[in-house]
PDB file of N, CA and C in Angstrom:
ATOM      1  N   MET A   1      80.308-104.428  41.839  1.00  0.00           N
ATOM      2  CA  MET A   1      80.179-104.259  42.967  1.00  0.00           C
ATOM      3  C   MET A   1      81.770-104.445  43.839  1.00  0.00           C
ATOM      4  N   LYS A   2      82.338-105.327  42.771  1.00  0.00           N
ATOM      5  CA  LYS A   2      83.509-106.376  43.408  1.00  0.00           C
ATOM      6  C   LYS A   2      84.511-105.861  43.076  1.00  0.00           C
ATOM      7  N   PRO A   3      84.847-104.951  41.765  1.00  0.00           N
ATOM      8  CA  PRO A   3      85.953-104.274  40.922  1.00  0.00           C
ATOM      9  C   PRO A   3      85.633-102.961  41.842  1.00  0.00           C
ATOM     10  N   ALA A   4      84.700-102.301  42.664  1.00  0.00           N
ATOM     11  CA  ALA A   4      85.191-101.401  43.053  1.00  0.00           C
ATOM     12  C   ALA A   4      86.027-101.240  44.881  1.00  0.00           C
ATOM     13  N   ILE A   5      85.495-102.837  45.162  1.00  0.00           N
ATOM     14  CA  ILE A   5      86.195-103.310  46.591  1.00  0.00           C
ATOM     15  C   ILE A   5      87.785-102.963  46.241  1.00  0.00           C
ATOM     16  N   THR A   6      88.014-103.721  45.344  1.00  0.00           N
ATOM     17  CA  THR A   6      89.337-104.319  44.675  1.00  0.00           C
ATOM     18  C   THR A   6      90.274-103.289  44.588  1.00  0.00           C
ATOM     19  N   ILE A   7      89.758-102.504  43.691  1.00  0.00           N
ATOM     20  CA  ILE A   7      90.032-100.912  43.929  1.00  0.00           C
ATOM     21  C   ILE A   7      90.252-100.262  44.645  1.00  0.00           C
ATOM     22  N   ILE A   8      89.776-100.316  45.850  1.00  0.00           N
ATOM     23  CA  ILE A   8      89.979 -99.129  47.063  1.00  0.00           C
ATOM     24  C   ILE A   8      90.696-100.073  47.904  1.00  0.00           C
ATOM     25  N   SER A   9      90.851-101.390  47.787  1.00  0.00           N
ATOM     26  CA  SER A   9      92.073-102.175  48.555  1.00  0.00           C
ATOM     27  C   SER A   9      93.334-102.048  47.867  1.00  0.00           C
ATOM     28  N   VAL A  10      93.149-101.937  46.836  1.00  0.00           N
ATOM     29  CA  VAL A  10      94.819-101.551  45.823  1.00  0.00           C
ATOM     30  C   VAL A  10      95.370-100.022  46.499  1.00  0.00           C
ATOM     31  N   VAL A  11      94.230 -99.343  46.475  1.00  0.00           N
ATOM     32  CA  VAL A  11      94.473 -97.834  46.566  1.00  0.00           C
ATOM     33  C   VAL A  11      95.236 -97.884  48.075  1.00  0.00           C
ATOM     34  N   CYS A  12      94.369 -98.493  48.908  1.00  0.00           N
ATOM     35  CA  CYS A  12      94.840 -98.432  50.511  1.00  0.00           C
ATOM     36  C   CYS A  12      96.233 -98.965  50.578  1.00  0.00           C
ATOM     37  N   ALA A  13      95.954 -99.906  50.155  1.00  0.00           N
ATOM     38  CA  ALA A  13      97.766-100.602  49.955  1.00  0.00           C
ATOM     39  C   ALA A  13      98.642 -99.942  49.809  1.00  0.00           C
ATOM     40  N   ILE A  14      98.652 -98.968  48.278  1.00  0.00           N
ATOM     41  CA  ILE A  14      99.765 -98.291  48.056  1.00  0.00           C
ATOM     42  C   ILE A  14     100.016 -97.140  49.115  1.00  0.00           C
ATOM     43  N   ILE A  15      98.704 -96.571  49.569  1.00  0.00           N
ATOM     44  CA  ILE A  15      99.291 -95.454  50.517  1.00  0.00           C
ATOM     45  C   ILE A  15      99.906 -95.944  51.763  1.00  0.00           C
ATOM     46  N   GLY A  16      99.109 -97.400  52.092  1.00  0.00           N
ATOM     47  CA  GLY A  16      99.707 -97.723  53.185  1.00  0.00           C
ATOM     48  C   GLY A  16     101.510 -97.975  52.605  1.00  0.00           C
ATOM     49  N   ILE A  17     101.790 -98.733  52.035  1.00  0.00           N
ATOM     50  CA  ILE A  17     103.233 -99.029  51.812  1.00  0.00           C
ATOM     51  C   ILE A  17     103.854 -97.648  51.701  1.00  0.00           C
ATOM     52  N   SER A  18     103.094 -96.626  50.847  1.00  0.00           N
ATOM     53  CA  SER A  18     104.131 -95.344  51.018  1.00  0.00           C
ATOM     54  C   SER A  18     104.447 -94.585  52.031  1.00  0.00           C
ATOM     55  N   TYR A  19     103.423 -94.885  52.827  1.00  0.00           N
ATOM     56  CA  TYR A  19     103.856 -94.507  54.131  1.00  0.00           C
ATOM     57  C   TYR A  19     104.753 -94.773  54.593  1.00  0.00           C
ATOM     58  N   PHE A  20     104.996 -96.533  54.862  1.00  0.00           N
ATOM     59  CA  PHE A  20     106.055 -97.171  55.539  1.00  0.00           C
ATOM     60  C   PHE A  20     107.355 -96.661  55.077  1.00  0.00           C
ATOM     61  N   LEU A  21     107.437 -96.747  54.001  1.00  0.00           N
ATOM     62  CA  LEU A  21     108.852 -96.405  52.979  1.00  0.00           C
ATOM     63  C   LEU A  21     109.214 -94.785  53.544  1.00  0.00           C
ATOM     64  N   THR A  22     108.166 -94.088  53.522  1.00  0.00           N
ATOM     65  CA  THR A  22     108.685 -92.522  53.834  1.00  0.00           C
ATOM     66  C   THR A  22     109.186 -92.458  54.997  1.00  0.00           C
ATOM     67  N   ALA A  23     108.599 -93.431  55.805  1.00  0.00           N
ATOM     68  CA  ALA A  23     108.837 -92.897  57.297  1.00  0.00           C
ATOM     69  C   ALA A  23     110.224 -93.853  57.459  1.00  0.00           C
ATOM     70  N   CYS A  24     111.045 -94.632  56.919  1.00  0.00           N
ATOM     71  CA  CYS A  24     112.063 -95.195  56.829  1.00  0.00           C
ATOM     72  C   CYS A  24     113.008 -95.334  56.157  1.00  0.00           C
ATOM     73  N   GLY A  25     112.968 -94.120  55.299  1.00  0.00           N
ATOM     74  CA  GLY A  25     114.036 -93.669  54.497  1.00  0.00           C
ATOM     75  C   GLY A  25     113.353 -92.627  53.613  1.00  0.00           C
ATOM     76  N   GLY A  26     114.682 -92.086  53.169  1.00  0.00           N
ATOM     77  CA  GLY A  26     114.487 -91.250  52.109  1.00  0.00           C
ATOM     78  C   GLY A  26     115.446 -89.839  52.312  1.00  0.00           C
ATOM     79  N   SER A  27     114.759 -88.756  52.031  1.00  0.00           N
ATOM     80  CA  SER A  27     115.921 -87.546  52.373  1.00  0.00           C
ATOM     81  C   SER A  27     116.214 -87.295  53.678  1.00  0.00           C
ATOM     82  N   GLN A  28     116.822 -86.255  54.225  1.00  0.00           N
ATOM     83  CA  GLN A  28     117.446 -85.850  55.538  1.00  0.00           C
ATOM     84  C   GLN A  28     116.145 -84.736  55.489  1.00  0.00           C
ATOM     85  N   SER A  29     116.163 -85.025  57.205  1.00  0.00           N
ATOM     86  CA  SER A  29     115.057 -83.637  57.466  1.00  0.00           C
ATOM     87  C   SER A  29     116.005 -82.330  57.365  1.00  0.00           C
ATOM     88  N   SER A  30     115.485 -81.281  57.025  1.00  0.00           N
ATOM     89  CA  SER A  30     115.784 -79.743  57.081  1.00  0.00           C
ATOM     90  C   SER A  30     116.317 -79.485  58.464  1.00  0.00           C
ATOM     91  N   ASN A  31     115.986 -79.956  59.599  1.00  0.00           N
ATOM     92  CA  ASN A  31     116.063 -79.489  61.007  1.00  0.00           C
ATOM     93  C   ASN A  31     115.861 -80.601  61.646  1.00  0.00           C
ATOM     94  N   PRO A  32     117.144 -81.086  61.582  1.00  0.00           N
ATOM     95  CA  PRO A  32     117.441 -82.417  62.812  1.00  0.00           C
ATOM     96  C   PRO A  32     117.733 -81.590  64.145  1.00  0.00           C
ATOM     97  N   SER A  33     117.571 -82.557  64.952  1.00  0.00           N
ATOM     98  CA  SER A  33     117.667 -82.572  66.547  1.00  0.00           C
ATOM     99  C   SER A  33     118.980 -82.565  66.902  1.00  0.00           C
ATOM    100  N   SER A  34     119.297 -82.021  67.992  1.00  0.00           N
ATOM    101  CA  SER A  34     120.999 -81.319  68.290  1.00  0.00           C
ATOM    102  C   SER A  34     120.934 -81.680  70.060  1.00  0.00           C
ATOM    103  N   THR A  35     119.587 -81.814  70.280  1.00  0.00           N
ATOM    104  CA  THR A  35     119.590 -82.388  71.738  1.00  0.00           C
ATOM    105  C   THR A  35     118.918 -83.555  72.323  1.00  0.00           C
ATOM    106  N   PRO A  36     119.203 -84.522  73.354  1.00  0.00           N
ATOM    107  CA  PRO A  36     118.667 -85.233  73.551  1.00  0.00           C
ATOM    108  C   PRO A  36     117.110 -84.774  73.770  1.00  0.00           C
ATOM    109  N   SER A  37     116.388 -86.137  73.123  1.00  0.00           N
ATOM    110  CA  SER A  37     114.670 -85.944  72.943  1.00  0.00           C
ATOM    111  C   SER A  37     113.912 -86.198  74.558  1.00  0.00           C
ATOM    112  N   ASN A  38     115.002 -86.609  75.543  1.00  0.00           N
ATOM    113  CA  ASN A  38     114.286 -86.601  76.691  1.00  0.00           C
ATOM    114  C   ASN A  38     114.556 -85.623  77.648  1.00  0.00           C
ATOM    115  N   GLY A  39     115.019 -84.518  77.068  1.00  0.00           N
ATOM    116  CA  GLY A  39     115.512 -83.351  77.896  1.00  0.00           C
ATOM    117  C   GLY A  39     117.264 -83.406  78.653  1.00  0.00           C
ATOM    118  N   GLU A  40     117.165 -84.723  78.428  1.00  0.00           N
ATOM    119  CA  GLU A  40     118.692 -84.943  79.550  1.00  0.00           C
ATOM    120  C   GLU A  40     119.872 -83.882  79.235  1.00  0.00           C
ATOM    121  N   GLN A  41     120.836 -83.508  79.466  1.00  0.00           N
ATOM    122  CA  GLN A  41     121.882 -83.328  79.272  1.00  0.00           C
ATOM    123  C   GLN A  41     123.006 -84.069  78.806  1.00  0.00           C
ATOM    124  N   GLN A  42     123.505 -84.105  77.816  1.00  0.00           N
ATOM    125  CA  GLN A  42     124.627 -84.726  77.282  1.00  0.00           C
ATOM    126  C   GLN A  42     126.083 -84.613  77.945  1.00  0.00           C
ATOM    127  N   THR A  43     126.098 -86.269  78.405  1.00  0.00           N
ATOM    128  CA  THR A  43     127.362 -85.790  79.402  1.00  0.00           C
ATOM    129  C   THR A  43     128.917 -85.973  78.005  1.00  0.00           C
ATOM    130  N   SER A  44     128.517 -86.620  77.295  1.00  0.00           N
ATOM    131  CA  SER A  44     130.283 -86.925  76.673  1.00  0.00           C
ATOM    132  C   SER A  44     129.585 -85.796  75.127  1.00  0.00           C
ATOM    133  N   ASP A  45     130.502 -85.779  74.814  1.00  0.00           N
ATOM    134  CA  ASP A  45     130.915 -85.098  73.266  1.00  0.00           C
ATOM    135  C   ASP A  45     129.606 -85.705  72.434  1.00  0.00           C
ATOM    136  N   PRO A  46     128.894 -84.560  71.863  1.00  0.00           N
ATOM    137  CA  PRO A  46     128.067 -84.854  71.333  1.00  0.00           C
ATOM    138  C   PRO A  46     128.277 -85.677  69.635  1.00  0.00           C
ATOM    139  N   ILE A  47     127.578 -86.634  69.457  1.00  0.00           N
ATOM    140  CA  ILE A  47     127.851 -87.618  68.808  1.00  0.00           C
ATOM    141  C   ILE A  47     127.510 -86.893  66.871  1.00  0.00           C
ATOM    142  N   SER A  48     128.580 -87.305  66.341  1.00  0.00           N
ATOM    143  CA  SER A  48     128.753 -86.543  65.247  1.00  0.00           C
ATOM    144  C   SER A  48     128.875 -87.112  63.601  1.00  0.00           C
ATOM    145  N   LEU A  49     127.920 -87.400  62.916  1.00  0.00           N
ATOM    146  CA  LEU A  49     127.781 -88.309  61.752  1.00  0.00           C
ATOM    147  C   LEU A  49     129.246 -87.914  60.780  1.00  0.00           C
ATOM    148  N   SER A  50     129.785 -87.055  61.030  1.00  0.00           N
ATOM    149  CA  SER A  50     131.058 -86.747  60.258  1.00  0.00           C
ATOM    150  C   SER A  50     132.040 -87.359  60.512  1.00  0.00           C
ATOM    151  N   SER A  51     131.932 -88.076  61.618  1.00  0.00           N
ATOM    152  CA  SER A  51     132.874 -88.976  62.038  1.00  0.00           C
ATOM    153  C   SER A  51     132.679 -90.214  61.546  1.00  0.00           C
ATOM    154  N   ALA A  52     132.005 -90.385  60.530  1.00  0.00           N
ATOM    155  CA  ALA A  52     131.800 -91.563  59.909  1.00  0.00           C
ATOM    156  C   ALA A  52     132.792 -91.682  58.457  1.00  0.00           C
ATOM    157  N   SER A  53     132.796 -92.520  58.125  1.00  0.00           N
ATOM    158  CA  SER A  53     133.358 -92.775  56.569  1.00  0.00           C
ATOM    159  C   SER A  53     132.451 -92.128  55.682  1.00  0.00           C
ATOM    160  N   SER A  54     132.461 -92.024  54.192  1.00  0.00           N
ATOM    161  CA  SER A  54     131.510 -91.082  53.555  1.00  0.00           C
ATOM    162  C   SER A  54     130.560 -92.453  52.750  1.00  0.00           C
ATOM    163  N   ASP A  55     131.083 -93.625  52.970  1.00  0.00           N
ATOM    164  CA  ASP A  55     130.197 -94.750  52.922  1.00  0.00           C
ATOM    165  C   ASP A  55     129.191 -94.982  53.856  1.00  0.00           C
ATOM    166  N   VAL A  56     129.634 -94.875  55.000  1.00  0.00           N
ATOM    167  CA  VAL A  56     128.786 -95.266  56.087  1.00  0.00           C
ATOM    168  C   VAL A  56     127.948 -93.572  56.318  1.00  0.00           C
ATOM    169  N   GLN A  57     128.142 -92.648  55.851  1.00  0.00           N
ATOM    170  CA  GLN A  57     127.540 -91.160  55.954  1.00  0.00           C
ATOM    171  C   GLN A  57     126.302 -91.997  55.121  1.00  0.00           C
ATOM    172  N   SER A  58     126.775 -92.056  53.922  1.00  0.00           N
ATOM    173  CA  SER A  58     125.941 -92.508  53.068  1.00  0.00           C
ATOM    174  C   SER A  58     124.340 -93.093  53.181  1.00  0.00           C
ATOM    175  N   ILE A  59     124.988 -94.204  53.759  1.00  0.00           N
ATOM    176  CA  ILE A  59     124.559 -95.556  54.232  1.00  0.00           C
ATOM    177  C   ILE A  59     123.544 -94.861  55.242  1.00  0.00           C
ATOM    178  N   TYR A  60     123.412 -93.806  56.626  1.00  0.00           N
ATOM    179  CA  TYR A  60     123.237 -93.358  57.016  1.00  0.00           C
ATOM    180  C   TYR A  60     122.178 -92.738  56.877  1.00  0.00           C
ATOM    181  N   LYS A  61     122.414 -91.830  55.828  1.00  0.00           N
ATOM    182  CA  LYS A  61     121.458 -90.371  55.406  1.00  0.00           C
ATOM    183  C   LYS A  61     120.039 -91.468  54.436  1.00  0.00           C
ATOM    184  N   ALA A  62     120.664 -92.128  53.941  1.00  0.00           N
ATOM    185  CA  ALA A  62     119.702 -92.625  53.122  1.00  0.00           C
ATOM    186  C   ALA A  62     118.273 -93.607  53.417  1.00  0.00           C
ATOM    187  N   ARG A  63     119.230 -94.467  54.754  1.00  0.00           N
ATOM    188  CA  ARG A  63     118.232 -95.390  55.137  1.00  0.00           C
ATOM    189  C   ARG A  63     117.857 -95.530  57.070  1.00  0.00           C
ATOM    190  N   CYS A  64     118.739 -94.397  57.660  1.00  0.00           N
ATOM    191  CA  CYS A  64     118.552 -94.529  59.116  1.00  0.00           C
ATOM    192  C   CYS A  64     118.152 -93.122  59.697  1.00  0.00           C
ATOM    193  N   ILE A  65     118.417 -91.707  59.286  1.00  0.00           N
ATOM    194  CA  ILE A  65     118.438 -91.075  59.157  1.00  0.00           C
ATOM    195  C   ILE A  65     116.999 -90.560  59.899  1.00  0.00           C
ATOM    196  N   ASN A  66     115.944 -90.775  59.047  1.00  0.00           N
ATOM    197  CA  ASN A  66     114.963 -89.981  59.081  1.00  0.00           C
ATOM    198  C   ASN A  66     113.783 -90.851  60.484  1.00  0.00           C
ATOM    199  N   CYS A  67     114.445 -92.026  61.165  1.00  0.00           N
ATOM    200  CA  CYS A  67     113.999 -92.477  62.337  1.00  0.00           C
ATOM    201  C   CYS A  67     114.880 -92.074  63.431  1.00  0.00           C
ATOM    202  N   HIS A  68     116.362 -92.494  63.350  1.00  0.00           N
ATOM    203  CA  HIS A  68     117.134 -92.378  64.179  1.00  0.00           C
ATOM    204  C   HIS A  68     118.110 -90.442  64.136  1.00  0.00           C
ATOM    205  N   ALA A  69     117.421 -89.786  63.353  1.00  0.00           N
ATOM    206  CA  ALA A  69     118.136 -88.367  63.525  1.00  0.00           C
ATOM    207  C   ALA A  69     119.448 -88.520  63.619  1.00  0.00           C
ATOM    208  N   THR A  70     120.237 -87.298  62.779  1.00  0.00           N
ATOM    209  CA  THR A  70     121.074 -86.828  62.413  1.00  0.00           C
ATOM    210  C   THR A  70     122.517 -87.477  64.325  1.00  0.00           C
ATOM    211  N   ASP A  71     121.677 -86.868  65.146  1.00  0.00           N
ATOM    212  CA  ASP A  71     122.616 -87.195  66.551  1.00  0.00           C
ATOM    213  C   ASP A  71     122.582 -88.982  67.211  1.00  0.00           C
ATOM    214  N   LEU A  72     121.569 -89.372  66.186  1.00  0.00           N
ATOM    215  CA  LEU A  72     121.008 -90.832  67.040  1.00  0.00           C
ATOM    216  C   LEU A  72     120.385 -90.567  67.997  1.00  0.00           C
ATOM    217  N   SER A  73     119.871 -89.467  68.066  1.00  0.00           N
ATOM    218  CA  SER A  73     118.760 -89.164  69.379  1.00  0.00           C
ATOM    219  C   SER A  73     117.645 -90.224  69.139  1.00  0.00           C
ATOM    220  N   GLY A  74     116.835 -90.253  67.739  1.00  0.00           N
ATOM    221  CA  GLY A  74     115.883 -90.746  67.407  1.00  0.00           C
ATOM    222  C   GLY A  74     114.678 -89.845  66.898  1.00  0.00           C
ATOM    223  N   LYS A  75     114.036 -89.975  66.599  1.00  0.00           N
ATOM    224  CA  LYS A  75     112.673 -88.943  66.324  1.00  0.00           C
ATOM    225  C   LYS A  75     111.744 -90.170  66.330  1.00  0.00           C
ATOM    226  N   MET A  76     111.539 -91.055  67.226  1.00  0.00           N
ATOM    227  CA  MET A  76     110.027 -91.518  67.345  1.00  0.00           C
ATOM    228  C   MET A  76     110.101 -92.144  68.503  1.00  0.00           C
ATOM    229  N   GLY A  77     110.817 -91.448  69.468  1.00  0.00           N
ATOM    230  CA  GLY A  77     110.804 -91.712  71.266  1.00  0.00           C
ATOM    231  C   GLY A  77     112.104 -92.857  71.298  1.00  0.00           C
ATOM    232  N   GLU A  78     111.777 -93.101  72.420  1.00  0.00           N
ATOM    233  CA  GLU A  78     113.307 -94.282  73.238  1.00  0.00           C
ATOM    234  C   GLU A  78     113.344 -95.225  72.544  1.00  0.00           C
ATOM    235  N   ARG A  79     112.417 -95.780  71.939  1.00  0.00           N
ATOM    236  CA  ARG A  79     113.072 -96.961  70.983  1.00  0.00           C
ATOM    237  C   ARG A  79     113.907 -96.818  69.611  1.00  0.00           C
ATOM    238  N   THR A  80     113.755 -95.608  69.380  1.00  0.00           N
ATOM    239  CA  THR A  80     114.811 -95.038  68.403  1.00  0.00           C
ATOM    240  C   THR A  80     116.049 -94.602  68.589  1.00  0.00           C
ATOM    241  N   ASN A  81     116.186 -94.423  69.869  1.00  0.00           N
ATOM    242  CA  ASN A  81     117.264 -93.290  70.063  1.00  0.00           C
ATOM    243  C   ASN A  81     118.632 -94.252  70.332  1.00  0.00           C
ATOM    244  N   LEU A  82     119.350 -94.288  69.573  1.00  0.00           N
ATOM    245  CA  LEU A  82     120.471 -95.154  69.224  1.00  0.00           C
ATOM    246  C   LEU A  82     121.660 -95.138  70.365  1.00  0.00           C
ATOM    247  N   GLN A  83     121.557 -93.509  71.168  1.00  0.00           N
ATOM    248  CA  GLN A  83     122.583 -93.115  71.954  1.00  0.00           C
ATOM    249  C   GLN A  83     121.683 -94.180  73.097  1.00  0.00           C
ATOM    250  N   HIS A  84     121.024 -94.383  73.522  1.00  0.00           N
ATOM    251  CA  HIS A  84     120.777 -95.538  74.582  1.00  0.00           C
ATOM    252  C   HIS A  84     120.796 -96.838  74.617  1.00  0.00           C
ATOM    253  N   ILE A  85     120.301 -96.761  73.554  1.00  0.00           N
ATOM    254  CA  ILE A  85     120.224 -98.722  72.882  1.00  0.00           C
ATOM    255  C   ILE A  85     121.845 -99.549  72.681  1.00  0.00           C
ATOM    256  N   TYR A  86     122.310 -98.607  71.445  1.00  0.00           N
ATOM    257  CA  TYR A  86     123.597 -99.352  71.399  1.00  0.00           C
ATOM    258  C   TYR A  86     124.744 -99.235  72.413  1.00  0.00           C
ATOM    259  N   VAL A  87     124.158 -98.325  73.822  1.00  0.00           N
ATOM    260  CA  VAL A  87     125.770 -98.272  75.246  1.00  0.00           C
ATOM    261  C   VAL A  87     126.113-100.010  75.116  1.00  0.00           C
ATOM    262  N   SER A  88     125.331-100.432  75.947  1.00  0.00           N
ATOM    263  CA  SER A  88     125.813-101.911  75.933  1.00  0.00           C
ATOM    264  C   SER A  88     125.546-102.959  75.179  1.00  0.00           C
ATOM    265  N   SER A  89     125.206-102.677  73.957  1.00  0.00           N
ATOM    266  CA  SER A  89     125.341-103.451  72.725  1.00  0.00           C
ATOM    267  C   SER A  89     126.996-103.915  71.723  1.00  0.00           C
ATOM    268  N   SER A  90     126.627-105.245  71.893  1.00  0.00           N
ATOM    269  CA  SER A  90     128.044-105.769  71.090  1.00  0.00           C
ATOM    270  C   SER A  90     127.734-105.566  69.790  1.00  0.00           C
ATOM    271  N   ASN A  91     128.647-105.781  68.815  1.00  0.00           N
ATOM    272  CA  ASN A  91     129.055-105.359  67.436  1.00  0.00           C
ATOM    273  C   ASN A  91     127.925-106.086  66.647  1.00  0.00           C
ATOM    274  N   GLU A  92     127.944-107.667  67.183  1.00  0.00           N
ATOM    275  CA  GLU A  92     127.208-108.502  66.754  1.00  0.00           C
ATOM    276  C   GLU A  92     125.529-108.247  66.769  1.00  0.00           C
ATOM    277  N   ASP A  93     125.360-107.645  67.892  1.00  0.00           N
ATOM    278  CA  ASP A  93     123.770-107.771  68.030  1.00  0.00           C
ATOM    279  C   ASP A  93     123.182-106.802  67.178  1.00  0.00           C
ATOM    280  N   ILE A  94     124.261-105.644  67.180  1.00  0.00           N
ATOM    281  CA  ILE A  94     123.717-104.183  66.171  1.00  0.00           C
ATOM    282  C   ILE A  94     123.590-104.851  64.804  1.00  0.00           C
ATOM    283  N   VAL A  95     125.114-106.150  64.364  1.00  0.00           N
ATOM    284  CA  VAL A  95     124.791-106.603  63.144  1.00  0.00           C
ATOM    285  C   VAL A  95     123.128-107.505  62.951  1.00  0.00           C
ATOM    286  N   ALA A  96     123.183-107.790  64.105  1.00  0.00           N
ATOM    287  CA  ALA A  96     121.614-108.722  64.187  1.00  0.00           C
ATOM    288  C   ALA A  96     120.329-107.745  63.908  1.00  0.00           C
ATOM    289  N   THR A  97     120.650-106.536  64.810  1.00  0.00           N
ATOM    290  CA  THR A  97     119.443-105.740  64.683  1.00  0.00           C
ATOM    291  C   THR A  97     119.701-105.112  63.216  1.00  0.00           C
ATOM    292  N   ILE A  98     120.277-104.285  62.892  1.00  0.00           N
ATOM    293  CA  ILE A  98     120.373-104.194  61.439  1.00  0.00           C
ATOM    294  C   ILE A  98     119.880-105.386  59.917  1.00  0.00           C
ATOM    295  N   THR A  99     120.290-106.239  60.018  1.00  0.00           N
ATOM    296  CA  THR A  99     120.120-107.439  59.902  1.00  0.00           C
ATOM    297  C   THR A  99     118.795-107.334  59.328  1.00  0.00           C
ATOM    298  N   ASN A 100     118.386-108.375  60.897  1.00  0.00           N
ATOM    299  CA  ASN A 100     116.787-108.870  61.135  1.00  0.00           C
ATOM    300  C   ASN A 100     115.385-107.665  61.259  1.00  0.00           C
ATOM    301  N   GLY A 101     116.226-106.438  61.355  1.00  0.00           N
ATOM    302  CA  GLY A 101     115.096-105.754  62.309  1.00  0.00           C
ATOM    303  C   GLY A 101     114.565-105.685  63.280  1.00  0.00           C
ATOM    304  N   GLY A 102     113.897-105.168  64.117  1.00  0.00           N
ATOM    305  CA  GLY A 102     113.517-105.085  65.305  1.00  0.00           C
ATOM    306  C   GLY A 102     111.897-104.830  65.478  1.00  0.00           C
ATOM    307  N   SER A 103     111.433-104.827  66.862  1.00  0.00           N
ATOM    308  CA  SER A 103     110.027-104.348  66.701  1.00  0.00           C
ATOM    309  C   SER A 103     109.071-103.584  65.654  1.00  0.00           C
ATOM    310  N   ILE A 104     110.203-102.402  65.702  1.00  0.00           N
ATOM    311  CA  ILE A 104     109.511-101.305  64.732  1.00  0.00           C
ATOM    312  C   ILE A 104     110.388-100.929  63.343  1.00  0.00           C
ATOM    313  N   MET A 105     111.139-101.352  63.576  1.00  0.00           N
ATOM    314  CA  MET A 105     112.696-101.234  62.570  1.00  0.00           C
ATOM    315  C   MET A 105     112.337-102.475  61.364  1.00  0.00           C
ATOM    316  N   PRO A 106     112.507-102.133  60.385  1.00  0.00           N
ATOM    317  CA  PRO A 106     112.667-102.883  59.502  1.00  0.00           C
ATOM    318  C   PRO A 106     114.218-103.755  59.273  1.00  0.00           C
ATOM    319  N   ALA A 107     113.577-104.626  58.363  1.00  0.00           N
ATOM    320  CA  ALA A 107     115.151-105.534  58.499  1.00  0.00           C
ATOM    321  C   ALA A 107     116.310-105.122  56.737  1.00  0.00           C
ATOM    322  N   PHE A 108     116.805-105.157  56.902  1.00  0.00           N
ATOM    323  CA  PHE A 108     117.849-104.455  56.154  1.00  0.00           C
ATOM    324  C   PHE A 108     119.001-105.201  55.206  1.00  0.00           C
ATOM    325  N   LYS A 109     118.270-106.747  55.318  1.00  0.00           N
ATOM    326  CA  LYS A 109     119.238-108.359  54.875  1.00  0.00           C
ATOM    327  C   LYS A 109     119.278-107.836  53.300  1.00  0.00           C
ATOM    328  N   ASP A 110     117.974-107.486  53.006  1.00  0.00           N
ATOM    329  CA  ASP A 110     118.054-107.748  51.498  1.00  0.00           C
ATOM    330  C   ASP A 110     118.071-106.071  51.102  1.00  0.00           C
ATOM    331  N   VAL A 111     118.659-105.610  51.697  1.00  0.00           N
ATOM    332  CA  VAL A 111     118.630-103.540  50.869  1.00  0.00           C
ATOM    333  C   VAL A 111     120.100-103.426  51.263  1.00  0.00           C
ATOM    334  N   LEU A 112     120.701-104.292  52.507  1.00  0.00           N
ATOM    335  CA  LEU A 112     122.317-103.824  52.001  1.00  0.00           C
ATOM    336  C   LEU A 112     123.123-104.878  52.378  1.00  0.00           C
ATOM    337  N   SER A 113     124.408-104.876  51.572  1.00  0.00           N
ATOM    338  CA  SER A 113     125.049-105.611  51.517  1.00  0.00           C
ATOM    339  C   SER A 113     125.437-106.238  52.931  1.00  0.00           C
ATOM    340  N   GLU A 114     126.291-107.388  53.504  1.00  0.00           N
ATOM    341  CA  GLU A 114     126.790-107.992  54.414  1.00  0.00           C
ATOM    342  C   GLU A 114     127.646-106.889  54.730  1.00  0.00           C
ATOM    343  N   GLN A 115     128.825-106.008  54.044  1.00  0.00           N
ATOM    344  CA  GLN A 115     129.851-105.505  54.196  1.00  0.00           C
ATOM    345  C   GLN A 115     129.181-103.878  54.745  1.00  0.00           C
ATOM    346  N   GLU A 116     127.826-103.492  54.048  1.00  0.00           N
ATOM    347  CA  GLU A 116     127.453-102.202  54.486  1.00  0.00           C
ATOM    348  C   GLU A 116     127.049-102.444  55.866  1.00  0.00           C
ATOM    349  N   ILE A 117     126.291-103.328  56.085  1.00  0.00           N
ATOM    350  CA  ILE A 117     125.830-103.528  57.102  1.00  0.00           C
ATOM    351  C   ILE A 117     126.799-103.414  58.457  1.00  0.00           C
ATOM    352  N   ASN A 118     127.575-104.352  58.068  1.00  0.00           N
ATOM    353  CA  ASN A 118     129.234-104.585  59.452  1.00  0.00           C
ATOM    354  C   ASN A 118     129.912-103.391  59.182  1.00  0.00           C
ATOM    355  N   SER A 119     130.165-102.191  58.332  1.00  0.00           N
ATOM    356  CA  SER A 119     130.357-100.967  58.245  1.00  0.00           C
ATOM    357  C   SER A 119     129.347 -99.956  59.383  1.00  0.00           C
ATOM    358  N   LEU A 120     128.502-100.321  59.042  1.00  0.00           N
ATOM    359  CA  LEU A 120     127.175 -99.173  59.559  1.00  0.00           C
ATOM    360  C   LEU A 120     127.228 -99.248  61.550  1.00  0.00           C
ATOM    361  N   ALA A 121     127.094-101.200  61.342  1.00  0.00           N
ATOM    362  CA  ALA A 121     127.342-101.512  63.218  1.00  0.00           C
ATOM    363  C   ALA A 121     128.460-100.916  63.134  1.00  0.00           C
ATOM    364  N   THR A 122     129.815-101.244  63.234  1.00  0.00           N
ATOM    365  CA  THR A 122     131.073-100.943  63.402  1.00  0.00           C
ATOM    366  C   THR A 122     131.045 -99.623  64.252  1.00  0.00           C
ATOM    367  N   TRP A 123     130.774 -98.644  63.528  1.00  0.00           N
ATOM    368  CA  TRP A 123     130.450 -97.388  63.151  1.00  0.00           C
ATOM    369  C   TRP A 123     129.421 -96.742  64.487  1.00  0.00           C
ATOM    370  N   LEU A 124     128.539 -97.271  64.499  1.00  0.00           N
ATOM    371  CA  LEU A 124     127.488 -97.444  65.777  1.00  0.00           C
ATOM    372  C   LEU A 124     128.400 -98.355  67.068  1.00  0.00           C
ATOM    373  N   SER A 125     129.084 -98.988  66.490  1.00  0.00           N
ATOM    374  CA  SER A 125     129.334 -99.630  68.168  1.00  0.00           C
ATOM    375  C   SER A 125     130.352 -98.710  68.553  1.00  0.00           C
ATOM    376  N   ASN A 126     130.881 -97.732  68.121  1.00  0.00           N
ATOM    377  CA  ASN A 126     132.193 -96.991  68.504  1.00  0.00           C
ATOM    378  C   ASN A 126     131.723 -95.276  68.986  1.00  0.00           C
ATOM    379  N   GLN A 127     130.067 -95.151  69.045  1.00  0.00           N
ATOM    380  CA  GLN A 127     129.513 -94.353  69.404  1.00  0.00           C
ATOM    381  C   GLN A 127     129.154 -93.619  70.780  1.00  0.00           C
TER     382      GLN A 127
END
């Protein structure tokens, strides 16, 4: 009976890891949100990923867009809405969050280089 329990445990672990990786990285949504998720009108120009360098665009599309959306409005509620979160954050705070992660955000210190993290943080802090 022990081998069956081990197999079930391994299958459950693989499914859990697959779900996590799918939620936090991968392909771009085919229908990105263009309005804020809370229904409020935007008072400034819409945030555009096209304002980022091609390197930052590649990083954001590969690592961030599934949770934070094309316009940074967030796809998983206010905690992922970068339009509100980074308004009063310093570049150093943004670097720390990308590097070490947050309550539901994974850490990227072992995934992105220091230069990639700094480039992404600089772009985010200027939005």
